[in-house]
C-alpha atoms as a PDB file:
ATOM      1  CA  PHE A   1       0.498  -8.393  -4.579  1.00  0.00           C
ATOM      2  CA  GLN A   2       0.031  -8.728  -8.306  1.00  0.00           C
ATOM      3  CA  GLY A   3      -1.886  -5.971 -10.061  1.00  0.00           C
ATOM      4  CA  VAL A   4      -2.306  -4.012  -6.833  1.00  0.00           C
ATOM      5  CA  PRO A   5      -0.886  -0.472  -6.530  1.00  0.00           C
ATOM      6  CA  LEU A   6       1.905  -0.294  -3.958  1.00  0.00           C
ATOM      7  CA  GLY A   7       0.121   2.542  -2.147  1.00  0.00           C
ATOM      8  CA  LEU A   8      -3.037   0.477  -1.786  1.00  0.00           C
ATOM      9  CA  ALA A   9      -1.071  -2.550  -0.616  1.00  0.00           C
ATOM     10  CA  LYS A  10       0.651  -0.442   2.038  1.00  0.00           C
ATOM     11  CA  ARG A  11      -2.678   0.975   3.165  1.00  0.00           C
ATOM     12  CA  VAL A  12      -4.239  -2.472   3.490  1.00  0.00           C
ATOM     13  CA  GLY A  13      -1.134  -3.809   5.231  1.00  0.00           C
ATOM     14  CA  SER A  14      -1.186  -1.044   7.818  1.00  0.00           C
ATOM     15  CA  ARG A  15      -4.904  -1.636   8.324  1.00  0.00           C
ATOM     16  CA  LEU A  16      -4.337  -5.332   8.993  1.00  0.00           C
ATOM     17  CA  LYS A  17      -1.565  -4.560  11.462  1.00  0.00           C
ATOM     18  CA  ASN A  18      -3.868  -2.174  13.305  1.00  0.00           C
ATOM     19  CA  SER A  19      -6.972  -4.385  13.317  1.00  0.00           C
ATOM     20  CA  TYR A  20      -5.318  -7.728  14.095  1.00  0.00           C
ATOM     21  CA  PRO A  21      -3.241  -8.678  17.164  1.00  0.00           C
ATOM     22  CA  ARG A  22       0.442  -7.867  16.723  1.00  0.00           C
ATOM     23  CA  GLU A  23       1.375 -11.448  17.584  1.00  0.00           C
ATOM     24  CA  LEU A  24      -0.450 -12.844  14.545  1.00  0.00           C
ATOM     25  CA  VAL A  25       1.199 -10.341  12.224  1.00  0.00           C
ATOM     26  CA  ARG A  26       4.611 -10.922  13.782  1.00  0.00           C
ATOM     27  CA  ASP A  27       4.318 -14.701  13.471  1.00  0.00           C
ATOM     28  CA  GLY A  28       3.175 -14.335   9.872  1.00  0.00           C
ATOM     29  CA  LYS A  29       0.286 -16.741  10.473  1.00  0.00           C
ATOM     30  CA  LEU A  30      -2.187 -14.193   9.148  1.00  0.00           C
ATOM     31  CA  PHE A  31      -0.345 -13.721   5.842  1.00  0.00           C
ATOM     32  CA  ALA A  32       0.532 -17.416   5.585  1.00  0.00           C
ATOM     33  CA  GLY A  33      -3.171 -18.253   5.776  1.00  0.00           C
ATOM     34  CA  LYS A  34      -3.986 -15.725   3.065  1.00  0.00           C
ATOM     35  CA  VAL A  35      -1.347 -17.092   0.702  1.00  0.00           C
END
């Protein structure tokens, strides 16, 4: 997360975990696709 405040990053991260299935987040597929 370059140029993004840590607080904002945490907020977005928690939002993703809440809105997407836990399995996707746990497998890292969601973040792997974003990178």
